[in-house]
Amino acid sequence: AASGFTFSNNSMSWYRQAPGKQRELVASIT
């Protein structure tokens, strides 16, 4: 859930970080 900006204008992304690993991009939507 997003707030504080014009959500419809922004691309959004999901990242994940496993123990001992770098954060990685999972998916994005424009």
PDB file of all heavy atoms in Angstrom:
ATOM      1  N   ALA A   1       0.843  -1.196   0.000  1.00  0.00           N
ATOM      2  CA  ALA A   1       0.000   0.000   0.000  1.00  0.00           C
ATOM      3  C   ALA A   1       0.876   1.243   0.000  1.00  0.00           C
ATOM      4  O   ALA A   1       1.774   1.371   0.844  1.00  0.00           O
ATOM      5  CB  ALA A   1      -0.908  -0.012   1.223  1.00  0.00           C
ATOM      6  N   ALA A   2       0.621   2.128  -0.949  1.00  0.00           N
ATOM      7  CA  ALA A   2       1.462   3.312  -1.126  1.00  0.00           C
ATOM      8  C   ALA A   2       0.713   4.585  -0.744  1.00  0.00           C
ATOM      9  O   ALA A   2      -0.515   4.664  -0.890  1.00  0.00           O
ATOM     10  CB  ALA A   2       1.913   3.408  -2.576  1.00  0.00           C
ATOM     11  N   SER A   3       1.450   5.567  -0.272  1.00  0.00           N
ATOM     12  CA  SER A   3       0.879   6.876   0.031  1.00  0.00           C
ATOM     13  C   SER A   3       1.975   7.923  -0.044  1.00  0.00           C
ATOM     14  O   SER A   3       3.164   7.610  -0.032  1.00  0.00           O
ATOM     15  CB  SER A   3       0.227   6.872   1.418  1.00  0.00           C
ATOM     16  OG  SER A   3       1.186   6.601   2.417  1.00  0.00           O
ATOM     17  N   GLY A   4       1.529   9.183  -0.154  1.00  0.00           N
ATOM     18  CA  GLY A   4       2.481  10.287  -0.139  1.00  0.00           C
ATOM     19  C   GLY A   4       3.012  10.708  -1.493  1.00  0.00           C
ATOM     20  O   GLY A   4       3.878  11.591  -1.572  1.00  0.00           O
ATOM     21  N   PHE A   5       2.502  10.093  -2.564  1.00  0.00           N
ATOM     22  CA  PHE A   5       2.911  10.476  -3.912  1.00  0.00           C
ATOM     23  C   PHE A   5       1.803  10.063  -4.880  1.00  0.00           C
ATOM     24  O   PHE A   5       0.866   9.351  -4.502  1.00  0.00           O
ATOM     25  CB  PHE A   5       4.243   9.836  -4.295  1.00  0.00           C
ATOM     26  CG  PHE A   5       4.237   8.339  -4.359  1.00  0.00           C
ATOM     27  CD1 PHE A   5       4.150   7.669  -5.573  1.00  0.00           C
ATOM     28  CD2 PHE A   5       4.319   7.567  -3.200  1.00  0.00           C
ATOM     29  CE1 PHE A   5       4.151   6.277  -5.636  1.00  0.00           C
ATOM     30  CE2 PHE A   5       4.320   6.189  -3.246  1.00  0.00           C
ATOM     31  CZ  PHE A   5       4.236   5.533  -4.464  1.00  0.00           C
ATOM     32  N   THR A   6       1.923  10.510  -6.125  1.00  0.00           N
ATOM     33  CA  THR A   6       0.911  10.199  -7.132  1.00  0.00           C
ATOM     34  C   THR A   6       1.189   8.800  -7.669  1.00  0.00           C
ATOM     35  O   THR A   6       1.954   8.619  -8.624  1.00  0.00           O
ATOM     36  CB  THR A   6       0.920  11.241  -8.267  1.00  0.00           C
ATOM     37  OG1 THR A   6       0.779  12.547  -7.697  1.00  0.00           O
ATOM     38  CG2 THR A   6      -0.238  10.981  -9.222  1.00  0.00           C
ATOM     39  N   PHE A   7       0.553   7.828  -7.055  1.00  0.00           N
ATOM     40  CA  PHE A   7       0.845   6.415  -7.322  1.00  0.00           C
ATOM     41  C   PHE A   7       0.712   6.081  -8.805  1.00  0.00           C
ATOM     42  O   PHE A   7       1.557   5.402  -9.365  1.00  0.00           O
ATOM     43  CB  PHE A   7      -0.112   5.553  -6.497  1.00  0.00           C
ATOM     44  CG  PHE A   7       0.062   4.083  -6.693  1.00  0.00           C
ATOM     45  CD1 PHE A   7       1.072   3.389  -6.034  1.00  0.00           C
ATOM     46  CD2 PHE A   7      -0.796   3.376  -7.536  1.00  0.00           C
ATOM     47  CE1 PHE A   7       1.230   2.024  -6.210  1.00  0.00           C
ATOM     48  CE2 PHE A   7      -0.650   2.010  -7.708  1.00  0.00           C
ATOM     49  CZ  PHE A   7       0.368   1.333  -7.042  1.00  0.00           C
ATOM     50  N   SER A   8      -0.336   6.576  -9.429  1.00  0.00           N
ATOM     51  CA  SER A   8      -0.613   6.178 -10.810  1.00  0.00           C
ATOM     52  C   SER A   8       0.479   6.629 -11.784  1.00  0.00           C
ATOM     53  O   SER A   8       0.575   6.092 -12.889  1.00  0.00           O
ATOM     54  CB  SER A   8      -1.963   6.725 -11.262  1.00  0.00           C
ATOM     55  OG  SER A   8      -1.979   8.137 -11.169  1.00  0.00           O
ATOM     56  N   ASN A   9       1.295   7.588 -11.391  1.00  0.00           N
ATOM     57  CA  ASN A   9       2.345   8.103 -12.272  1.00  0.00           C
ATOM     58  C   ASN A   9       3.654   7.347 -12.163  1.00  0.00           C
ATOM     59  O   ASN A   9       4.561   7.569 -12.968  1.00  0.00           O
ATOM     60  CB  ASN A   9       2.631   9.575 -11.962  1.00  0.00           C
ATOM     61  CG  ASN A   9       1.517  10.491 -12.408  1.00  0.00           C
ATOM     62  OD1 ASN A   9       0.583  10.063 -13.079  1.00  0.00           O
ATOM     63  ND2 ASN A   9       1.605  11.744 -12.014  1.00  0.00           N
ATOM     64  N   ASN A  10       3.745   6.461 -11.169  1.00  0.00           N
ATOM     65  CA  ASN A  10       5.031   5.843 -10.846  1.00  0.00           C
ATOM     66  C   ASN A  10       5.123   4.374 -11.211  1.00  0.00           C
ATOM     67  O   ASN A  10       4.169   3.612 -11.007  1.00  0.00           O
ATOM     68  CB  ASN A  10       5.310   5.975  -9.345  1.00  0.00           C
ATOM     69  CG  ASN A  10       6.004   7.267  -9.011  1.00  0.00           C
ATOM     70  OD1 ASN A  10       5.593   8.319  -9.459  1.00  0.00           O
ATOM     71  ND2 ASN A  10       7.078   7.164  -8.246  1.00  0.00           N
ATOM     72  N   SER A  11       6.298   3.985 -11.723  1.00  0.00           N
ATOM     73  CA  SER A  11       6.610   2.569 -11.803  1.00  0.00           C
ATOM     74  C   SER A  11       6.818   2.039 -10.386  1.00  0.00           C
ATOM     75  O   SER A  11       7.270   2.764  -9.494  1.00  0.00           O
ATOM     76  CB  SER A  11       7.888   2.343 -12.607  1.00  0.00           C
ATOM     77  OG  SER A  11       7.709   2.712 -13.959  1.00  0.00           O
ATOM     78  N   MET A  12       6.463   0.777 -10.212  1.00  0.00           N
ATOM     79  CA  MET A  12       6.610   0.121  -8.914  1.00  0.00           C
ATOM     80  C   MET A  12       7.365  -1.186  -9.097  1.00  0.00           C
ATOM     81  O   MET A  12       7.244  -1.830 -10.151  1.00  0.00           O
ATOM     82  CB  MET A  12       5.239  -0.166  -8.285  1.00  0.00           C
ATOM     83  CG  MET A  12       4.376   1.062  -8.067  1.00  0.00           C
ATOM     84  SD  MET A  12       5.069   2.201  -6.855  1.00  0.00           S
ATOM     85  CE  MET A  12       5.116   1.165  -5.378  1.00  0.00           C
ATOM     86  N   SER A  13       8.105  -1.562  -8.078  1.00  0.00           N
ATOM     87  CA  SER A  13       8.918  -2.774  -8.178  1.00  0.00           C
ATOM     88  C   SER A  13       8.861  -3.582  -6.892  1.00  0.00           C
ATOM     89  O   SER A  13       8.606  -3.037  -5.813  1.00  0.00           O
ATOM     90  CB  SER A  13      10.381  -2.422  -8.466  1.00  0.00           C
ATOM     91  OG  SER A  13      10.518  -1.723  -9.679  1.00  0.00           O
ATOM     92  N   TRP A  14       9.102  -4.880  -7.049  1.00  0.00           N
ATOM     93  CA  TRP A  14       9.326  -5.773  -5.918  1.00  0.00           C
ATOM     94  C   TRP A  14      10.768  -6.267  -5.991  1.00  0.00           C
ATOM     95  O   TRP A  14      11.232  -6.692  -7.052  1.00  0.00           O
ATOM     96  CB  TRP A  14       8.384  -6.968  -5.965  1.00  0.00           C
ATOM     97  CG  TRP A  14       6.983  -6.666  -5.579  1.00  0.00           C
ATOM     98  CD1 TRP A  14       5.918  -6.405  -6.392  1.00  0.00           C
ATOM     99  CD2 TRP A  14       6.465  -6.592  -4.242  1.00  0.00           C
ATOM    100  NE1 TRP A  14       4.793  -6.174  -5.663  1.00  0.00           N
ATOM    101  CE2 TRP A  14       5.093  -6.292  -4.330  1.00  0.00           C
ATOM    102  CE3 TRP A  14       7.028  -6.761  -2.973  1.00  0.00           C
ATOM    103  CZ2 TRP A  14       4.262  -6.151  -3.210  1.00  0.00           C
ATOM    104  CZ3 TRP A  14       6.213  -6.623  -1.866  1.00  0.00           C
ATOM    105  CH2 TRP A  14       4.851  -6.323  -1.990  1.00  0.00           C
ATOM    106  N   TYR A  15      11.447  -6.193  -4.858  1.00  0.00           N
ATOM    107  CA  TYR A  15      12.788  -6.733  -4.702  1.00  0.00           C
ATOM    108  C   TYR A  15      12.749  -7.800  -3.600  1.00  0.00           C
ATOM    109  O   TYR A  15      11.797  -7.867  -2.816  1.00  0.00           O
ATOM    110  CB  TYR A  15      13.770  -5.634  -4.278  1.00  0.00           C
ATOM    111  CG  TYR A  15      14.167  -4.674  -5.351  1.00  0.00           C
ATOM    112  CD1 TYR A  15      13.298  -3.667  -5.775  1.00  0.00           C
ATOM    113  CD2 TYR A  15      15.422  -4.731  -5.944  1.00  0.00           C
ATOM    114  CE1 TYR A  15      13.676  -2.767  -6.766  1.00  0.00           C
ATOM    115  CE2 TYR A  15      15.812  -3.838  -6.919  1.00  0.00           C
ATOM    116  CZ  TYR A  15      14.933  -2.853  -7.319  1.00  0.00           C
ATOM    117  OH  TYR A  15      15.322  -1.950  -8.300  1.00  0.00           O
ATOM    118  N   ARG A  16      13.799  -8.581  -3.529  1.00  0.00           N
ATOM    119  CA  ARG A  16      13.931  -9.528  -2.418  1.00  0.00           C
ATOM    120  C   ARG A  16      15.394  -9.641  -2.018  1.00  0.00           C
ATOM    121  O   ARG A  16      16.287  -9.419  -2.830  1.00  0.00           O
ATOM    122  CB  ARG A  16      13.358 -10.893  -2.779  1.00  0.00           C
ATOM    123  CG  ARG A  16      14.133 -11.659  -3.841  1.00  0.00           C
ATOM    124  CD  ARG A  16      13.399 -12.944  -4.195  1.00  0.00           C
ATOM    125  NE  ARG A  16      14.111 -13.715  -5.213  1.00  0.00           N
ATOM    126  CZ  ARG A  16      13.612 -14.805  -5.787  1.00  0.00           C
ATOM    127  NH1 ARG A  16      12.406 -15.273  -5.437  1.00  0.00           N
ATOM    128  NH2 ARG A  16      14.321 -15.458  -6.705  1.00  0.00           N
ATOM    129  N   GLN A  17      15.572  -9.993  -0.755  1.00  0.00           N
ATOM    130  CA  GLN A  17      16.917 -10.194  -0.237  1.00  0.00           C
ATOM    131  C   GLN A  17      16.929 -11.431   0.644  1.00  0.00           C
ATOM    132  O   GLN A  17      16.255 -11.472   1.677  1.00  0.00           O
ATOM    133  CB  GLN A  17      17.405  -8.976   0.545  1.00  0.00           C
ATOM    134  CG  GLN A  17      18.862  -9.071   0.951  1.00  0.00           C
ATOM    135  CD  GLN A  17      19.415  -7.743   1.420  1.00  0.00           C
ATOM    136  OE1 GLN A  17      18.690  -6.826   1.782  1.00  0.00           O
ATOM    137  NE2 GLN A  17      20.740  -7.623   1.396  1.00  0.00           N
ATOM    138  N   ALA A  18      17.687 -12.418   0.208  1.00  0.00           N
ATOM    139  CA  ALA A  18      17.856 -13.654   0.988  1.00  0.00           C
ATOM    140  C   ALA A  18      19.052 -13.488   1.916  1.00  0.00           C
ATOM    141  O   ALA A  18      19.941 -12.670   1.661  1.00  0.00           O
ATOM    142  CB  ALA A  18      18.065 -14.830   0.041  1.00  0.00           C
ATOM    143  N   PRO A  19      19.101 -14.264   2.992  1.00  0.00           N
ATOM    144  CA  PRO A  19      20.225 -14.162   3.936  1.00  0.00           C
ATOM    145  C   PRO A  19      21.563 -14.352   3.228  1.00  0.00           C
ATOM    146  O   PRO A  19      21.747 -15.303   2.468  1.00  0.00           O
ATOM    147  CB  PRO A  19      19.950 -15.300   4.917  1.00  0.00           C
ATOM    148  CG  PRO A  19      18.480 -15.506   4.855  1.00  0.00           C
ATOM    149  CD  PRO A  19      18.092 -15.236   3.440  1.00  0.00           C
ATOM    150  N   GLY A  20      22.481 -13.415   3.462  1.00  0.00           N
ATOM    151  CA  GLY A  20      23.816 -13.517   2.896  1.00  0.00           C
ATOM    152  C   GLY A  20      23.913 -13.156   1.431  1.00  0.00           C
ATOM    153  O   GLY A  20      24.975 -13.311   0.821  1.00  0.00           O
ATOM    154  N   LYS A  21      22.817 -12.680   0.845  1.00  0.00           N
ATOM    155  CA  LYS A  21      22.820 -12.333  -0.575  1.00  0.00           C
ATOM    156  C   LYS A  21      22.446 -10.882  -0.775  1.00  0.00           C
ATOM    157  O   LYS A  21      21.875 -10.242   0.108  1.00  0.00           O
ATOM    158  CB  LYS A  21      21.850 -13.235  -1.346  1.00  0.00           C
ATOM    159  CG  LYS A  21      22.257 -14.691  -1.366  1.00  0.00           C
ATOM    160  CD  LYS A  21      21.376 -15.494  -2.299  1.00  0.00           C
ATOM    161  CE  LYS A  21      21.823 -16.935  -2.401  1.00  0.00           C
ATOM    162  NZ  LYS A  21      20.978 -17.736  -3.331  1.00  0.00           N
ATOM    163  N   GLN A  22      22.768 -10.374  -1.961  1.00  0.00           N
ATOM    164  CA  GLN A  22      22.403  -9.000  -2.293  1.00  0.00           C
ATOM    165  C   GLN A  22      20.925  -8.900  -2.637  1.00  0.00           C
ATOM    166  O   GLN A  22      20.303  -9.875  -3.069  1.00  0.00           O
ATOM    167  CB  GLN A  22      23.254  -8.516  -3.476  1.00  0.00           C
ATOM    168  CG  GLN A  22      24.703  -8.274  -3.140  1.00  0.00           C
ATOM    169  CD  GLN A  22      25.436  -7.562  -4.257  1.00  0.00           C
ATOM    170  OE1 GLN A  22      25.078  -7.681  -5.424  1.00  0.00           O
ATOM    171  NE2 GLN A  22      26.464  -6.815  -3.906  1.00  0.00           N
ATOM    172  N   ARG A  23      20.382  -7.724  -2.433  1.00  0.00           N
ATOM    173  CA  ARG A  23      18.998  -7.481  -2.820  1.00  0.00           C
ATOM    174  C   ARG A  23      18.897  -7.566  -4.345  1.00  0.00           C
ATOM    175  O   ARG A  23      19.740  -7.027  -5.060  1.00  0.00           O
ATOM    176  CB  ARG A  23      18.557  -6.103  -2.321  1.00  0.00           C
ATOM    177  CG  ARG A  23      17.076  -5.851  -2.404  1.00  0.00           C
ATOM    178  CD  ARG A  23      16.707  -4.569  -1.684  1.00  0.00           C
ATOM    179  NE  ARG A  23      16.984  -4.635  -0.242  1.00  0.00           N
ATOM    180  CZ  ARG A  23      16.564  -3.717   0.625  1.00  0.00           C
ATOM    181  NH1 ARG A  23      15.859  -2.673   0.209  1.00  0.00           N
ATOM    182  NH2 ARG A  23      16.869  -3.841   1.895  1.00  0.00           N
ATOM    183  N   GLU A  24      17.852  -8.230  -4.828  1.00  0.00           N
ATOM    184  CA  GLU A  24      17.685  -8.398  -6.269  1.00  0.00           C
ATOM    185  C   GLU A  24      16.289  -7.997  -6.710  1.00  0.00           C
ATOM    186  O   GLU A  24      15.315  -8.158  -5.970  1.00  0.00           O
ATOM    187  CB  GLU A  24      17.948  -9.858  -6.688  1.00  0.00           C
ATOM    188  CG  GLU A  24      16.988 -10.870  -6.110  1.00  0.00           C
ATOM    189  CD  GLU A  24      17.172 -12.272  -6.675  1.00  0.00           C
ATOM    190  OE1 GLU A  24      17.919 -12.445  -7.656  1.00  0.00           O
ATOM    191  OE2 GLU A  24      16.546 -13.204  -6.142  1.00  0.00           O
ATOM    192  N   LEU A  25      16.215  -7.497  -7.938  1.00  0.00           N
ATOM    193  CA  LEU A  25      14.931  -7.119  -8.514  1.00  0.00           C
ATOM    194  C   LEU A  25      14.159  -8.377  -8.911  1.00  0.00           C
ATOM    195  O   LEU A  25      14.695  -9.239  -9.594  1.00  0.00           O
ATOM    196  CB  LEU A  25      15.160  -6.233  -9.739  1.00  0.00           C
ATOM    197  CG  LEU A  25      13.926  -5.790 -10.503  1.00  0.00           C
ATOM    198  CD1 LEU A  25      13.018  -4.924  -9.639  1.00  0.00           C
ATOM    199  CD2 LEU A  25      14.341  -5.034 -11.764  1.00  0.00           C
ATOM    200  N   VAL A  26      12.909  -8.439  -8.477  1.00  0.00           N
ATOM    201  CA  VAL A  26      12.050  -9.590  -8.784  1.00  0.00           C
ATOM    202  C   VAL A  26      11.113  -9.263  -9.939  1.00  0.00           C
ATOM    203  O   VAL A  26      11.000 -10.027 -10.901  1.00  0.00           O
ATOM    204  CB  VAL A  26      11.236  -9.995  -7.548  1.00  0.00           C
ATOM    205  CG1 VAL A  26      10.252 -11.111  -7.894  1.00  0.00           C
ATOM    206  CG2 VAL A  26      12.156 -10.434  -6.414  1.00  0.00           C
ATOM    207  N   ALA A  27      10.421  -8.129  -9.832  1.00  0.00           N
ATOM    208  CA  ALA A  27       9.440  -7.768 -10.847  1.00  0.00           C
ATOM    209  C   ALA A  27       9.185  -6.272 -10.784  1.00  0.00           C
ATOM    210  O   ALA A  27       9.350  -5.650  -9.732  1.00  0.00           O
ATOM    211  CB  ALA A  27       8.129  -8.529 -10.632  1.00  0.00           C
ATOM    212  N   SER A  28       8.769  -5.719 -11.917  1.00  0.00           N
ATOM    213  CA  SER A  28       8.431  -4.309 -11.952  1.00  0.00           C
ATOM    214  C   SER A  28       7.242  -4.088 -12.874  1.00  0.00           C
ATOM    215  O   SER A  28       6.960  -4.912 -13.760  1.00  0.00           O
ATOM    216  CB  SER A  28       9.618  -3.471 -12.417  1.00  0.00           C
ATOM    217  OG  SER A  28      10.022  -3.863 -13.716  1.00  0.00           O
ATOM    218  N   ILE A  29       6.540  -2.977 -12.641  1.00  0.00           N
ATOM    219  CA  ILE A  29       5.386  -2.617 -13.462  1.00  0.00           C
ATOM    220  C   ILE A  29       5.410  -1.110 -13.661  1.00  0.00           C
ATOM    221  O   ILE A  29       5.570  -0.346 -12.705  1.00  0.00           O
ATOM    222  CB  ILE A  29       4.076  -3.113 -12.821  1.00  0.00           C
ATOM    223  CG1 ILE A  29       2.891  -2.834 -13.742  1.00  0.00           C
ATOM    224  CG2 ILE A  29       3.861  -2.531 -11.424  1.00  0.00           C
ATOM    225  CD1 ILE A  29       1.614  -3.594 -13.320  1.00  0.00           C
ATOM    226  N   THR A  30       5.262  -0.695 -14.907  1.00  0.00           N
ATOM    227  CA  THR A  30       5.276   0.732 -15.200  1.00  0.00           C
ATOM    228  C   THR A  30       3.917   1.356 -14.911  1.00  0.00           C
ATOM    229  O   THR A  30       2.935   0.663 -14.633  1.00  0.00           O
ATOM    230  CB  THR A  30       5.639   0.979 -16.669  1.00  0.00           C
ATOM    231  OG1 THR A  30       4.562   0.491 -17.488  1.00  0.00           O
ATOM    232  CG2 THR A  30       6.936   0.292 -17.050  1.00  0.00           C
TER     233      THR A  30
END
